[in-house]
mmCIF file of all heavy atoms, coordinates in Angstrom:
data_MODEL
# 
_entry.id   MODEL 
# 
loop_
_atom_site.group_PDB 
_atom_site.id 
_atom_site.type_symbol 
_atom_site.label_atom_id 
_atom_site.label_alt_id 
_atom_site.label_comp_id 
_atom_site.label_asym_id 
_atom_site.label_entity_id 
_atom_site.label_seq_id 
_atom_site.pdbx_PDB_ins_code 
_atom_site.Cartn_x 
_atom_site.Cartn_y 
_atom_site.Cartn_z 
_atom_site.occupancy 
_atom_site.B_iso_or_equiv 
_atom_site.pdbx_formal_charge 
_atom_site.auth_seq_id 
_atom_site.auth_comp_id 
_atom_site.auth_asym_id 
_atom_site.auth_atom_id 
_atom_site.pdbx_PDB_model_num 
ATOM 1   N N   . VAL A 1 1  ? 112.209 53.017 94.761 1.00 0.00 ? 1  VAL A N   1 
ATOM 2   C CA  . VAL A 1 1  ? 112.419 51.570 94.655 1.00 0.00 ? 1  VAL A CA  1 
ATOM 3   C C   . VAL A 1 1  ? 113.184 51.254 93.372 1.00 0.00 ? 1  VAL A C   1 
ATOM 4   O O   . VAL A 1 1  ? 114.119 50.445 93.370 1.00 0.00 ? 1  VAL A O   1 
ATOM 5   C CB  . VAL A 1 1  ? 111.073 50.814 94.694 1.00 0.00 ? 1  VAL A CB  1 
ATOM 6   C CG1 . VAL A 1 1  ? 111.259 49.341 94.381 1.00 0.00 ? 1  VAL A CG1 1 
ATOM 7   C CG2 . VAL A 1 1  ? 110.401 50.990 96.047 1.00 0.00 ? 1  VAL A CG2 1 
ATOM 8   N N   . ILE A 1 2  ? 112.826 51.902 92.287 1.00 0.00 ? 2  ILE A N   1 
ATOM 9   C CA  . ILE A 1 2  ? 113.504 51.687 91.006 1.00 0.00 ? 2  ILE A CA  1 
ATOM 10  C C   . ILE A 1 2  ? 114.969 52.109 91.098 1.00 0.00 ? 2  ILE A C   1 
ATOM 11  O O   . ILE A 1 2  ? 115.861 51.400 90.625 1.00 0.00 ? 2  ILE A O   1 
ATOM 12  C CB  . ILE A 1 2  ? 112.774 52.425 89.862 1.00 0.00 ? 2  ILE A CB  1 
ATOM 13  C CG1 . ILE A 1 2  ? 111.417 51.776 89.617 1.00 0.00 ? 2  ILE A CG1 1 
ATOM 14  C CG2 . ILE A 1 2  ? 113.607 52.428 88.592 1.00 0.00 ? 2  ILE A CG2 1 
ATOM 15  C CD1 . ILE A 1 2  ? 110.528 52.524 88.656 1.00 0.00 ? 2  ILE A CD1 1 
ATOM 16  N N   . ILE A 1 3  ? 115.229 53.231 91.737 1.00 0.00 ? 3  ILE A N   1 
ATOM 17  C CA  . ILE A 1 3  ? 116.604 53.704 91.894 1.00 0.00 ? 3  ILE A CA  1 
ATOM 18  C C   . ILE A 1 3  ? 117.410 52.722 92.746 1.00 0.00 ? 3  ILE A C   1 
ATOM 19  O O   . ILE A 1 3  ? 118.545 52.378 92.405 1.00 0.00 ? 3  ILE A O   1 
ATOM 20  C CB  . ILE A 1 3  ? 116.632 55.126 92.505 1.00 0.00 ? 3  ILE A CB  1 
ATOM 21  C CG1 . ILE A 1 3  ? 116.076 56.134 91.490 1.00 0.00 ? 3  ILE A CG1 1 
ATOM 22  C CG2 . ILE A 1 3  ? 118.036 55.506 92.942 1.00 0.00 ? 3  ILE A CG2 1 
ATOM 23  C CD1 . ILE A 1 3  ? 115.866 57.524 92.042 1.00 0.00 ? 3  ILE A CD1 1 
ATOM 24  N N   . MET A 1 4  ? 116.853 52.251 93.836 1.00 0.00 ? 4  MET A N   1 
ATOM 25  C CA  . MET A 1 4  ? 117.551 51.303 94.710 1.00 0.00 ? 4  MET A CA  1 
ATOM 26  C C   . MET A 1 4  ? 117.853 49.998 93.976 1.00 0.00 ? 4  MET A C   1 
ATOM 27  O O   . MET A 1 4  ? 118.959 49.459 94.076 1.00 0.00 ? 4  MET A O   1 
ATOM 28  C CB  . MET A 1 4  ? 116.721 51.011 95.962 1.00 0.00 ? 4  MET A CB  1 
ATOM 29  C CG  . MET A 1 4  ? 116.666 52.161 96.944 1.00 0.00 ? 4  MET A CG  1 
ATOM 30  S SD  . MET A 1 4  ? 118.280 52.586 97.586 1.00 0.00 ? 4  MET A SD  1 
ATOM 31  C CE  . MET A 1 4  ? 118.580 51.190 98.626 1.00 0.00 ? 4  MET A CE  1 
ATOM 32  N N   . LEU A 1 5  ? 116.894 49.483 93.229 1.00 0.00 ? 5  LEU A N   1 
ATOM 33  C CA  . LEU A 1 5  ? 117.113 48.250 92.476 1.00 0.00 ? 5  LEU A CA  1 
ATOM 34  C C   . LEU A 1 5  ? 118.190 48.445 91.406 1.00 0.00 ? 5  LEU A C   1 
ATOM 35  O O   . LEU A 1 5  ? 119.028 47.572 91.183 1.00 0.00 ? 5  LEU A O   1 
ATOM 36  C CB  . LEU A 1 5  ? 115.810 47.770 91.839 1.00 0.00 ? 5  LEU A CB  1 
ATOM 37  C CG  . LEU A 1 5  ? 114.784 47.188 92.795 1.00 0.00 ? 5  LEU A CG  1 
ATOM 38  C CD1 . LEU A 1 5  ? 113.490 46.872 92.066 1.00 0.00 ? 5  LEU A CD1 1 
ATOM 39  C CD2 . LEU A 1 5  ? 115.327 45.954 93.483 1.00 0.00 ? 5  LEU A CD2 1 
ATOM 40  N N   . SER A 1 6  ? 118.195 49.607 90.770 1.00 0.00 ? 6  SER A N   1 
ATOM 41  C CA  . SER A 1 6  ? 119.204 49.907 89.760 1.00 0.00 ? 6  SER A CA  1 
ATOM 42  C C   . SER A 1 6  ? 120.596 49.951 90.376 1.00 0.00 ? 6  SER A C   1 
ATOM 43  O O   . SER A 1 6  ? 121.552 49.417 89.816 1.00 0.00 ? 6  SER A O   1 
ATOM 44  C CB  . SER A 1 6  ? 118.907 51.245 89.074 1.00 0.00 ? 6  SER A CB  1 
ATOM 45  O OG  . SER A 1 6  ? 117.681 51.196 88.399 1.00 0.00 ? 6  SER A OG  1 
ATOM 46  N N   . LEU A 1 7  ? 120.711 50.574 91.537 1.00 0.00 ? 7  LEU A N   1 
ATOM 47  C CA  . LEU A 1 7  ? 122.001 50.640 92.224 1.00 0.00 ? 7  LEU A CA  1 
ATOM 48  C C   . LEU A 1 7  ? 122.493 49.255 92.638 1.00 0.00 ? 7  LEU A C   1 
ATOM 49  O O   . LEU A 1 7  ? 123.664 48.927 92.476 1.00 0.00 ? 7  LEU A O   1 
ATOM 50  C CB  . LEU A 1 7  ? 121.907 51.551 93.447 1.00 0.00 ? 7  LEU A CB  1 
ATOM 51  C CG  . LEU A 1 7  ? 121.785 53.043 93.155 1.00 0.00 ? 7  LEU A CG  1 
ATOM 52  C CD1 . LEU A 1 7  ? 121.495 53.812 94.438 1.00 0.00 ? 7  LEU A CD1 1 
ATOM 53  C CD2 . LEU A 1 7  ? 123.042 53.560 92.497 1.00 0.00 ? 7  LEU A CD2 1 
ATOM 54  N N   . LEU A 1 8  ? 121.602 48.447 93.152 1.00 0.00 ? 8  LEU A N   1 
ATOM 55  C CA  . LEU A 1 8  ? 121.982 47.084 93.540 1.00 0.00 ? 8  LEU A CA  1 
ATOM 56  C C   . LEU A 1 8  ? 122.422 46.268 92.334 1.00 0.00 ? 8  LEU A C   1 
ATOM 57  O O   . LEU A 1 8  ? 123.384 45.499 92.415 1.00 0.00 ? 8  LEU A O   1 
ATOM 58  C CB  . LEU A 1 8  ? 120.817 46.391 94.250 1.00 0.00 ? 8  LEU A CB  1 
ATOM 59  C CG  . LEU A 1 8  ? 120.517 46.872 95.659 1.00 0.00 ? 8  LEU A CG  1 
ATOM 60  C CD1 . LEU A 1 8  ? 119.229 46.246 96.171 1.00 0.00 ? 8  LEU A CD1 1 
ATOM 61  C CD2 . LEU A 1 8  ? 121.665 46.552 96.588 1.00 0.00 ? 8  LEU A CD2 1 
ATOM 62  N N   . LEU A 1 9  ? 121.750 46.435 91.221 1.00 0.00 ? 9  LEU A N   1 
ATOM 63  C CA  . LEU A 1 9  ? 122.122 45.724 90.004 1.00 0.00 ? 9  LEU A CA  1 
ATOM 64  C C   . LEU A 1 9  ? 123.501 46.155 89.529 1.00 0.00 ? 9  LEU A C   1 
ATOM 65  O O   . LEU A 1 9  ? 124.340 45.325 89.166 1.00 0.00 ? 9  LEU A O   1 
ATOM 66  C CB  . LEU A 1 9  ? 121.085 45.976 88.913 1.00 0.00 ? 9  LEU A CB  1 
ATOM 67  C CG  . LEU A 1 9  ? 121.346 45.284 87.581 1.00 0.00 ? 9  LEU A CG  1 
ATOM 68  C CD1 . LEU A 1 9  ? 121.326 43.767 87.754 1.00 0.00 ? 9  LEU A CD1 1 
ATOM 69  C CD2 . LEU A 1 9  ? 120.322 45.701 86.552 1.00 0.00 ? 9  LEU A CD2 1 
ATOM 70  N N   . MET A 1 10 ? 123.775 47.456 89.554 1.00 0.00 ? 10 MET A N   1 
ATOM 71  C CA  . MET A 1 10 ? 125.087 47.955 89.118 1.00 0.00 ? 10 MET A CA  1 
ATOM 72  C C   . MET A 1 10 ? 126.205 47.430 90.016 1.00 0.00 ? 10 MET A C   1 
ATOM 73  O O   . MET A 1 10 ? 127.263 47.062 89.537 1.00 0.00 ? 10 MET A O   1 
ATOM 74  C CB  . MET A 1 10 ? 125.105 49.483 89.097 1.00 0.00 ? 10 MET A CB  1 
ATOM 75  C CG  . MET A 1 10 ? 124.348 50.066 87.932 1.00 0.00 ? 10 MET A CG  1 
ATOM 76  S SD  . MET A 1 10 ? 124.587 51.825 87.720 1.00 0.00 ? 10 MET A SD  1 
ATOM 77  C CE  . MET A 1 10 ? 123.877 52.501 89.194 1.00 0.00 ? 10 MET A CE  1 
ATOM 78  N N   . VAL A 1 11 ? 125.984 47.392 91.309 1.00 0.00 ? 11 VAL A N   1 
ATOM 79  C CA  . VAL A 1 11 ? 126.989 46.902 92.242 1.00 0.00 ? 11 VAL A CA  1 
ATOM 80  C C   . VAL A 1 11 ? 127.229 45.412 91.995 1.00 0.00 ? 11 VAL A C   1 
ATOM 81  O O   . VAL A 1 11 ? 128.372 44.958 91.963 1.00 0.00 ? 11 VAL A O   1 
ATOM 82  C CB  . VAL A 1 11 ? 126.562 47.150 93.708 1.00 0.00 ? 11 VAL A CB  1 
ATOM 83  C CG1 . VAL A 1 11 ? 127.456 46.397 94.673 1.00 0.00 ? 11 VAL A CG1 1 
ATOM 84  C CG2 . VAL A 1 11 ? 126.581 48.639 94.004 1.00 0.00 ? 11 VAL A CG2 1 
ATOM 85  N N   . GLY A 1 12 ? 126.189 44.654 91.793 1.00 0.00 ? 12 GLY A N   1 
ATOM 86  C CA  . GLY A 1 12 ? 126.315 43.218 91.539 1.00 0.00 ? 12 GLY A CA  1 
ATOM 87  C C   . GLY A 1 12 ? 127.060 42.924 90.256 1.00 0.00 ? 12 GLY A C   1 
ATOM 88  O O   . GLY A 1 12 ? 127.913 42.033 90.211 1.00 0.00 ? 12 GLY A O   1 
ATOM 89  N N   . VAL A 1 13 ? 126.804 43.668 89.211 1.00 0.00 ? 13 VAL A N   1 
ATOM 90  C CA  . VAL A 1 13 ? 127.466 43.451 87.929 1.00 0.00 ? 13 VAL A CA  1 
ATOM 91  C C   . VAL A 1 13 ? 128.919 43.888 87.997 1.00 0.00 ? 13 VAL A C   1 
ATOM 92  O O   . VAL A 1 13 ? 129.809 43.193 87.520 1.00 0.00 ? 13 VAL A O   1 
ATOM 93  C CB  . VAL A 1 13 ? 126.726 44.196 86.794 1.00 0.00 ? 13 VAL A CB  1 
ATOM 94  C CG1 . VAL A 1 13 ? 127.519 44.175 85.510 1.00 0.00 ? 13 VAL A CG1 1 
ATOM 95  C CG2 . VAL A 1 13 ? 125.348 43.592 86.573 1.00 0.00 ? 13 VAL A CG2 1 
ATOM 96  N N   . SER A 1 14 ? 129.195 45.016 88.604 1.00 0.00 ? 14 SER A N   1 
ATOM 97  C CA  . SER A 1 14 ? 130.560 45.529 88.643 1.00 0.00 ? 14 SER A CA  1 
ATOM 98  C C   . SER A 1 14 ? 131.463 44.693 89.538 1.00 0.00 ? 14 SER A C   1 
ATOM 99  O O   . SER A 1 14 ? 132.669 44.636 89.318 1.00 0.00 ? 14 SER A O   1 
ATOM 100 C CB  . SER A 1 14 ? 130.585 46.986 89.102 1.00 0.00 ? 14 SER A CB  1 
ATOM 101 O OG  . SER A 1 14 ? 130.150 47.085 90.437 1.00 0.00 ? 14 SER A OG  1 
ATOM 102 N N   . SER A 1 15 ? 130.926 44.014 90.530 1.00 0.00 ? 15 SER A N   1 
ATOM 103 C CA  . SER A 1 15 ? 131.761 43.223 91.421 1.00 0.00 ? 15 SER A CA  1 
ATOM 104 C C   . SER A 1 15 ? 132.116 41.864 90.835 1.00 0.00 ? 15 SER A C   1 
ATOM 105 O O   . SER A 1 15 ? 132.921 41.137 91.389 1.00 0.00 ? 15 SER A O   1 
ATOM 106 C CB  . SER A 1 15 ? 131.075 43.046 92.773 1.00 0.00 ? 15 SER A CB  1 
ATOM 107 O OG  . SER A 1 15 ? 129.917 42.271 92.622 1.00 0.00 ? 15 SER A OG  1 
ATOM 108 N N   . SER A 1 16 ? 131.543 41.507 89.696 1.00 0.00 ? 16 SER A N   1 
ATOM 109 C CA  . SER A 1 16 ? 131.827 40.206 89.107 1.00 0.00 ? 16 SER A CA  1 
ATOM 110 C C   . SER A 1 16 ? 133.065 40.217 88.222 1.00 0.00 ? 16 SER A C   1 
ATOM 111 O O   . SER A 1 16 ? 133.505 39.179 87.763 1.00 0.00 ? 16 SER A O   1 
ATOM 112 C CB  . SER A 1 16 ? 130.619 39.708 88.313 1.00 0.00 ? 16 SER A CB  1 
ATOM 113 O OG  . SER A 1 16 ? 130.385 40.564 87.219 1.00 0.00 ? 16 SER A OG  1 
ATOM 114 N N   . ALA A 1 17 ? 133.662 41.373 87.953 1.00 0.00 ? 17 ALA A N   1 
ATOM 115 C CA  . ALA A 1 17 ? 134.863 41.464 87.127 1.00 0.00 ? 17 ALA A CA  1 
ATOM 116 C C   . ALA A 1 17 ? 136.002 42.038 87.955 1.00 0.00 ? 17 ALA A C   1 
ATOM 117 O O   . ALA A 1 17 ? 135.886 43.105 88.526 1.00 0.00 ? 17 ALA A O   1 
ATOM 118 C CB  . ALA A 1 17 ? 134.592 42.352 85.925 1.00 0.00 ? 17 ALA A CB  1 
ATOM 119 N N   . TYR A 1 18 ? 137.097 41.287 88.020 1.00 0.00 ? 18 TYR A N   1 
ATOM 120 C CA  . TYR A 1 18 ? 138.253 41.727 88.785 1.00 0.00 ? 18 TYR A CA  1 
ATOM 121 C C   . TYR A 1 18 ? 139.470 41.815 87.873 1.00 0.00 ? 18 TYR A C   1 
ATOM 122 O O   . TYR A 1 18 ? 139.712 40.921 87.069 1.00 0.00 ? 18 TYR A O   1 
ATOM 123 C CB  . TYR A 1 18 ? 138.566 40.749 89.918 1.00 0.00 ? 18 TYR A CB  1 
ATOM 124 C CG  . TYR A 1 18 ? 137.467 40.663 90.928 1.00 0.00 ? 18 TYR A CG  1 
ATOM 125 C CD1 . TYR A 1 18 ? 136.574 39.605 90.918 1.00 0.00 ? 18 TYR A CD1 1 
ATOM 126 C CD2 . TYR A 1 18 ? 137.331 41.639 91.902 1.00 0.00 ? 18 TYR A CD2 1 
ATOM 127 C CE1 . TYR A 1 18 ? 135.559 39.524 91.858 1.00 0.00 ? 18 TYR A CE1 1 
ATOM 128 C CE2 . TYR A 1 18 ? 136.315 41.568 92.837 1.00 0.00 ? 18 TYR A CE2 1 
ATOM 129 C CZ  . TYR A 1 18 ? 135.440 40.503 92.814 1.00 0.00 ? 18 TYR A CZ  1 
ATOM 130 O OH  . TYR A 1 18 ? 134.442 40.421 93.726 1.00 0.00 ? 18 TYR A OH  1 
ATOM 131 N N   . ALA A 1 19 ? 140.234 42.849 88.020 1.00 0.00 ? 19 ALA A N   1 
ATOM 132 C CA  . ALA A 1 19 ? 141.466 43.000 87.251 1.00 0.00 ? 19 ALA A CA  1 
ATOM 133 C C   . ALA A 1 19 ? 142.591 42.263 87.965 1.00 0.00 ? 19 ALA A C   1 
ATOM 134 O O   . ALA A 1 19 ? 142.583 42.127 89.180 1.00 0.00 ? 19 ALA A O   1 
ATOM 135 C CB  . ALA A 1 19 ? 141.812 44.476 87.118 1.00 0.00 ? 19 ALA A CB  1 
ATOM 136 N N   . HIS A 1 20 ? 143.554 41.798 87.192 1.00 0.00 ? 20 HIS A N   1 
ATOM 137 C CA  . HIS A 1 20 ? 144.730 41.190 87.769 1.00 0.00 ? 20 HIS A CA  1 
ATOM 138 C C   . HIS A 1 20 ? 145.934 41.521 86.902 1.00 0.00 ? 20 HIS A C   1 
ATOM 139 O O   . HIS A 1 20 ? 145.792 41.739 85.711 1.00 0.00 ? 20 HIS A O   1 
ATOM 140 C CB  . HIS A 1 20 ? 144.548 39.675 87.923 1.00 0.00 ? 20 HIS A CB  1 
ATOM 141 C CG  . HIS A 1 20 ? 144.246 38.977 86.646 1.00 0.00 ? 20 HIS A CG  1 
ATOM 142 N ND1 . HIS A 1 20 ? 142.988 38.889 86.142 1.00 0.00 ? 20 HIS A ND1 1 
ATOM 143 C CD2 . HIS A 1 20 ? 145.054 38.378 85.752 1.00 0.00 ? 20 HIS A CD2 1 
ATOM 144 C CE1 . HIS A 1 20 ? 143.035 38.232 85.002 1.00 0.00 ? 20 HIS A CE1 1 
ATOM 145 N NE2 . HIS A 1 20 ? 144.269 37.924 84.727 1.00 0.00 ? 20 HIS A NE2 1 
ATOM 146 N N   . PRO A 1 21 ? 147.112 41.581 87.504 1.00 0.00 ? 21 PRO A N   1 
ATOM 147 C CA  . PRO A 1 21 ? 148.307 41.963 86.757 1.00 0.00 ? 21 PRO A CA  1 
ATOM 148 C C   . PRO A 1 21 ? 148.782 40.849 85.845 1.00 0.00 ? 21 PRO A C   1 
ATOM 149 O O   . PRO A 1 21 ? 148.456 39.692 86.040 1.00 0.00 ? 21 PRO A O   1 
ATOM 150 C CB  . PRO A 1 21 ? 149.328 42.221 87.862 1.00 0.00 ? 21 PRO A CB  1 
ATOM 151 C CG  . PRO A 1 21 ? 148.888 41.358 88.975 1.00 0.00 ? 21 PRO A CG  1 
ATOM 152 C CD  . PRO A 1 21 ? 147.383 41.338 88.906 1.00 0.00 ? 21 PRO A CD  1 
ATOM 153 N N   . GLY A 1 22 ? 149.571 41.213 84.861 1.00 0.00 ? 22 GLY A N   1 
ATOM 154 C CA  . GLY A 1 22 ? 150.179 40.225 83.981 1.00 0.00 ? 22 GLY A CA  1 
ATOM 155 C C   . GLY A 1 22 ? 150.179 40.691 82.540 1.00 0.00 ? 22 GLY A C   1 
ATOM 156 O O   . GLY A 1 22 ? 149.174 41.173 82.039 1.00 0.00 ? 22 GLY A O   1 
ATOM 157 N N   . ARG A 1 23 ? 151.328 40.542 81.893 1.00 0.00 ? 23 ARG A N   1 
ATOM 158 C CA  . ARG A 1 23 ? 151.428 40.904 80.480 1.00 0.00 ? 23 ARG A CA  1 
ATOM 159 C C   . ARG A 1 23 ? 150.872 39.778 79.617 1.00 0.00 ? 23 ARG A C   1 
ATOM 160 O O   . ARG A 1 23 ? 150.764 38.653 80.049 1.00 0.00 ? 23 ARG A O   1 
ATOM 161 C CB  . ARG A 1 23 ? 152.880 41.164 80.123 1.00 0.00 ? 23 ARG A CB  1 
ATOM 162 C CG  . ARG A 1 23 ? 153.419 42.374 80.845 1.00 0.00 ? 23 ARG A CG  1 
ATOM 163 C CD  . ARG A 1 23 ? 154.836 42.634 80.417 1.00 0.00 ? 23 ARG A CD  1 
ATOM 164 N NE  . ARG A 1 23 ? 155.351 43.774 81.144 1.00 0.00 ? 23 ARG A NE  1 
ATOM 165 C CZ  . ARG A 1 23 ? 155.745 44.883 80.558 1.00 0.00 ? 23 ARG A CZ  1 
ATOM 166 N NH1 . ARG A 1 23 ? 155.699 45.011 79.262 1.00 0.00 ? 23 ARG A NH1 1 
ATOM 167 N NH2 . ARG A 1 23 ? 156.194 45.869 81.281 1.00 0.00 ? 23 ARG A NH2 1 
ATOM 168 N N   . LEU A 1 24 ? 150.552 40.119 78.376 1.00 0.00 ? 24 LEU A N   1 
ATOM 169 C CA  . LEU A 1 24 ? 149.991 39.141 77.449 1.00 0.00 ? 24 LEU A CA  1 
ATOM 170 C C   . LEU A 1 24 ? 151.058 38.644 76.490 1.00 0.00 ? 24 LEU A C   1 
ATOM 171 O O   . LEU A 1 24 ? 151.941 39.393 76.085 1.00 0.00 ? 24 LEU A O   1 
ATOM 172 C CB  . LEU A 1 24 ? 148.851 39.776 76.655 1.00 0.00 ? 24 LEU A CB  1 
ATOM 173 C CG  . LEU A 1 24 ? 147.713 40.376 77.481 1.00 0.00 ? 24 LEU A CG  1 
ATOM 174 C CD1 . LEU A 1 24 ? 146.684 40.999 76.571 1.00 0.00 ? 24 LEU A CD1 1 
ATOM 175 C CD2 . LEU A 1 24 ? 147.090 39.348 78.375 1.00 0.00 ? 24 LEU A CD2 1 
# 
């Protein structure tokens, strides 16, 4: 259960950041 919850948390956090192209 702990492993499953950890995996779900990692997926949720990683999907909240998206890269996009463009120079600064």
